[in-house]
């Protein structure tokens, strides 16, 4: 009886310790927007510290600019990297736009 109980507990412990594998569930979506579908706002400028080793630095500055401004996306984004002796920054410049609802 004790052996069966010990085996059952061991099985539950092993089954509960399985590893979780992350899965990228991003699906490609194609959307066609026209000028009447958009509300184009003011110019956006946002800067963050620049790290040459970060492969996602452009996405980070884009995301932070969207969060700060409240727009849905940025039209005609341009990136400017300024290096100085003490500080390096990356700046995104573009026009904010919202989808009309």
C-alpha atoms as a PDB file:
ATOM      1  CA  UNK A   1       0.000   0.000   0.000  1.00  0.00           C
ATOM      2  CA  UNK A   2       2.788   2.397   0.923  1.00  0.00           C
ATOM      3  CA  UNK A   3       4.624   1.522  -2.286  1.00  0.00           C
ATOM      4  CA  UNK A   4       1.573   2.370  -4.417  1.00  0.00           C
ATOM      5  CA  UNK A   5       1.077   5.665  -2.592  1.00  0.00           C
ATOM      6  CA  UNK A   6       4.769   6.540  -2.952  1.00  0.00           C
ATOM      7  CA  UNK A   7       4.681   5.664  -6.667  1.00  0.00           C
ATOM      8  CA  UNK A   8       1.574   7.804  -7.211  1.00  0.00           C
ATOM      9  CA  UNK A   9       3.160  10.774  -5.403  1.00  0.00           C
ATOM     10  CA  UNK A  10       6.365  10.365  -7.401  1.00  0.00           C
ATOM     11  CA  UNK A  11       4.375  10.292 -10.656  1.00  0.00           C
ATOM     12  CA  UNK A  12       2.458  13.462  -9.692  1.00  0.00           C
ATOM     13  CA  UNK A  13       5.690  15.253  -8.789  1.00  0.00           C
ATOM     14  CA  UNK A  14       7.364  14.306 -12.077  1.00  0.00           C
ATOM     15  CA  UNK A  15       4.307  15.285 -14.128  1.00  0.00           C
ATOM     16  CA  UNK A  16       4.071  18.604 -12.277  1.00  0.00           C
ATOM     17  CA  UNK A  17       7.704  19.496 -12.984  1.00  0.00           C
ATOM     18  CA  UNK A  18       7.394  19.612 -16.753  1.00  0.00           C
ATOM     19  CA  UNK A  19       8.988  22.526 -18.566  1.00  0.00           C
ATOM     20  CA  UNK A  20       6.992  25.221 -20.317  1.00  0.00           C
ATOM     21  CA  UNK A  21       8.084  25.969 -23.869  1.00  0.00           C
ATOM     22  CA  UNK A  22       7.288  29.494 -25.059  1.00  0.00           C
ATOM     23  CA  UNK A  23       5.498  29.636 -28.404  1.00  0.00           C
ATOM     24  CA  UNK A  24       5.429  32.652 -30.686  1.00  0.00           C
ATOM     25  CA  UNK A  25       1.748  33.030 -31.502  1.00  0.00           C
ATOM     26  CA  UNK A  26       2.022  36.173 -33.611  1.00  0.00           C
ATOM     27  CA  UNK A  27       0.030  35.733 -36.776  1.00  0.00           C
ATOM     28  CA  UNK A  28       0.601  37.914 -39.833  1.00  0.00           C
ATOM     29  CA  UNK A  29      -2.238  40.374 -40.389  1.00  0.00           C
ATOM     30  CA  UNK A  30      -2.738  42.472 -43.500  1.00  0.00           C
ATOM     31  CA  UNK A  31      -4.751  45.662 -43.092  1.00  0.00           C
ATOM     32  CA  UNK A  32      -5.496  48.228 -45.781  1.00  0.00           C
ATOM     33  CA  UNK A  33      -6.093  51.758 -44.519  1.00  0.00           C
ATOM     34  CA  UNK A  34      -7.055  54.828 -46.516  1.00  0.00           C
ATOM     35  CA  UNK A  35      -6.594  58.517 -45.690  1.00  0.00           C
ATOM     36  CA  UNK A  36     -10.220  58.790 -44.530  1.00  0.00           C
ATOM     37  CA  UNK A  37      -9.612  56.001 -42.011  1.00  0.00           C
ATOM     38  CA  UNK A  38      -6.891  57.953 -40.192  1.00  0.00           C
ATOM     39  CA  UNK A  39      -6.718  60.948 -37.944  1.00  0.00           C
ATOM     40  CA  UNK A  40      -3.186  62.293 -38.404  1.00  0.00           C
ATOM     41  CA  UNK A  41      -1.956  64.244 -35.419  1.00  0.00           C
ATOM     42  CA  UNK A  42       1.049  66.318 -34.501  1.00  0.00           C
ATOM     43  CA  UNK A  43       4.720  65.574 -34.888  1.00  0.00           C
ATOM     44  CA  UNK A  44       6.182  63.187 -32.302  1.00  0.00           C
ATOM     45  CA  UNK A  45       9.714  63.307 -30.947  1.00  0.00           C
ATOM     46  CA  UNK A  46      10.911  60.869 -28.302  1.00  0.00           C
ATOM     47  CA  UNK A  47      14.428  59.957 -27.096  1.00  0.00           C
ATOM     48  CA  UNK A  48      15.875  57.146 -25.008  1.00  0.00           C
ATOM     49  CA  UNK A  49      19.458  56.160 -24.121  1.00  0.00           C
ATOM     50  CA  UNK A  50      21.162  54.346 -27.004  1.00  0.00           C
ATOM     51  CA  UNK A  51      22.751  50.932 -26.515  1.00  0.00           C
ATOM     52  CA  UNK A  52      24.714  49.666 -29.521  1.00  0.00           C
ATOM     53  CA  UNK A  53      24.467  46.049 -28.359  1.00  0.00           C
ATOM     54  CA  UNK A  54      20.661  46.017 -28.109  1.00  0.00           C
ATOM     55  CA  UNK A  55      19.165  44.566 -31.327  1.00  0.00           C
ATOM     56  CA  UNK A  56      15.660  45.794 -30.394  1.00  0.00           C
ATOM     57  CA  UNK A  57      16.533  49.443 -29.703  1.00  0.00           C
ATOM     58  CA  UNK A  58      14.460  50.753 -32.634  1.00  0.00           C
ATOM     59  CA  UNK A  59      11.380  48.842 -31.488  1.00  0.00           C
ATOM     60  CA  UNK A  60      11.856  50.100 -27.921  1.00  0.00           C
ATOM     61  CA  UNK A  61      11.988  53.768 -28.881  1.00  0.00           C
ATOM     62  CA  UNK A  62       8.984  53.292 -31.209  1.00  0.00           C
ATOM     63  CA  UNK A  63       6.957  51.588 -28.474  1.00  0.00           C
ATOM     64  CA  UNK A  64       7.815  54.174 -25.825  1.00  0.00           C
ATOM     65  CA  UNK A  65       6.874  57.000 -28.196  1.00  0.00           C
ATOM     66  CA  UNK A  66       3.486  55.377 -28.793  1.00  0.00           C
ATOM     67  CA  UNK A  67       2.870  54.851 -25.086  1.00  0.00           C
ATOM     68  CA  UNK A  68       3.774  58.447 -24.196  1.00  0.00           C
ATOM     69  CA  UNK A  69       1.805  60.040 -27.048  1.00  0.00           C
ATOM     70  CA  UNK A  70      -1.314  57.839 -27.053  1.00  0.00           C
ATOM     71  CA  UNK A  71      -1.322  57.346 -30.834  1.00  0.00           C
ATOM     72  CA  UNK A  72      -1.982  54.022 -32.563  1.00  0.00           C
ATOM     73  CA  UNK A  73       1.088  54.194 -34.814  1.00  0.00           C
ATOM     74  CA  UNK A  74       3.702  56.581 -36.200  1.00  0.00           C
ATOM     75  CA  UNK A  75       3.759  57.675 -39.829  1.00  0.00           C
ATOM     76  CA  UNK A  76       7.109  58.230 -41.582  1.00  0.00           C
ATOM     77  CA  UNK A  77       9.308  57.351 -38.588  1.00  0.00           C
ATOM     78  CA  UNK A  78      12.894  58.562 -38.777  1.00  0.00           C
ATOM     79  CA  UNK A  79      15.587  57.597 -36.293  1.00  0.00           C
ATOM     80  CA  UNK A  80      18.455  59.833 -35.242  1.00  0.00           C
ATOM     81  CA  UNK A  81      21.384  58.594 -33.155  1.00  0.00           C
ATOM     82  CA  UNK A  82      23.446  61.188 -31.303  1.00  0.00           C
ATOM     83  CA  UNK A  83      26.775  60.108 -29.851  1.00  0.00           C
ATOM     84  CA  UNK A  84      28.617  62.325 -27.447  1.00  0.00           C
ATOM     85  CA  UNK A  85      31.466  61.686 -25.069  1.00  0.00           C
ATOM     86  CA  UNK A  86      29.244  61.021 -22.056  1.00  0.00           C
ATOM     87  CA  UNK A  87      25.830  60.113 -23.455  1.00  0.00           C
ATOM     88  CA  UNK A  88      24.355  58.432 -26.525  1.00  0.00           C
ATOM     89  CA  UNK A  89      20.671  58.787 -27.397  1.00  0.00           C
ATOM     90  CA  UNK A  90      18.342  57.546 -30.091  1.00  0.00           C
ATOM     91  CA  UNK A  91      15.457  59.773 -31.136  1.00  0.00           C
ATOM     92  CA  UNK A  92      12.393  58.914 -33.192  1.00  0.00           C
ATOM     93  CA  UNK A  93      10.681  61.642 -35.188  1.00  0.00           C
ATOM     94  CA  UNK A  94       7.394  61.152 -37.041  1.00  0.00           C
ATOM     95  CA  UNK A  95       3.694  61.955 -37.151  1.00  0.00           C
ATOM     96  CA  UNK A  96       1.262  60.276 -34.787  1.00  0.00           C
ATOM     97  CA  UNK A  97      -1.887  58.744 -36.228  1.00  0.00           C
ATOM     98  CA  UNK A  98      -5.024  57.164 -34.826  1.00  0.00           C
ATOM     99  CA  UNK A  99      -7.511  54.960 -36.608  1.00  0.00           C
ATOM    100  CA  UNK A 100     -10.928  56.634 -36.752  1.00  0.00           C
ATOM    101  CA  UNK A 101     -13.475  54.610 -34.859  1.00  0.00           C
END
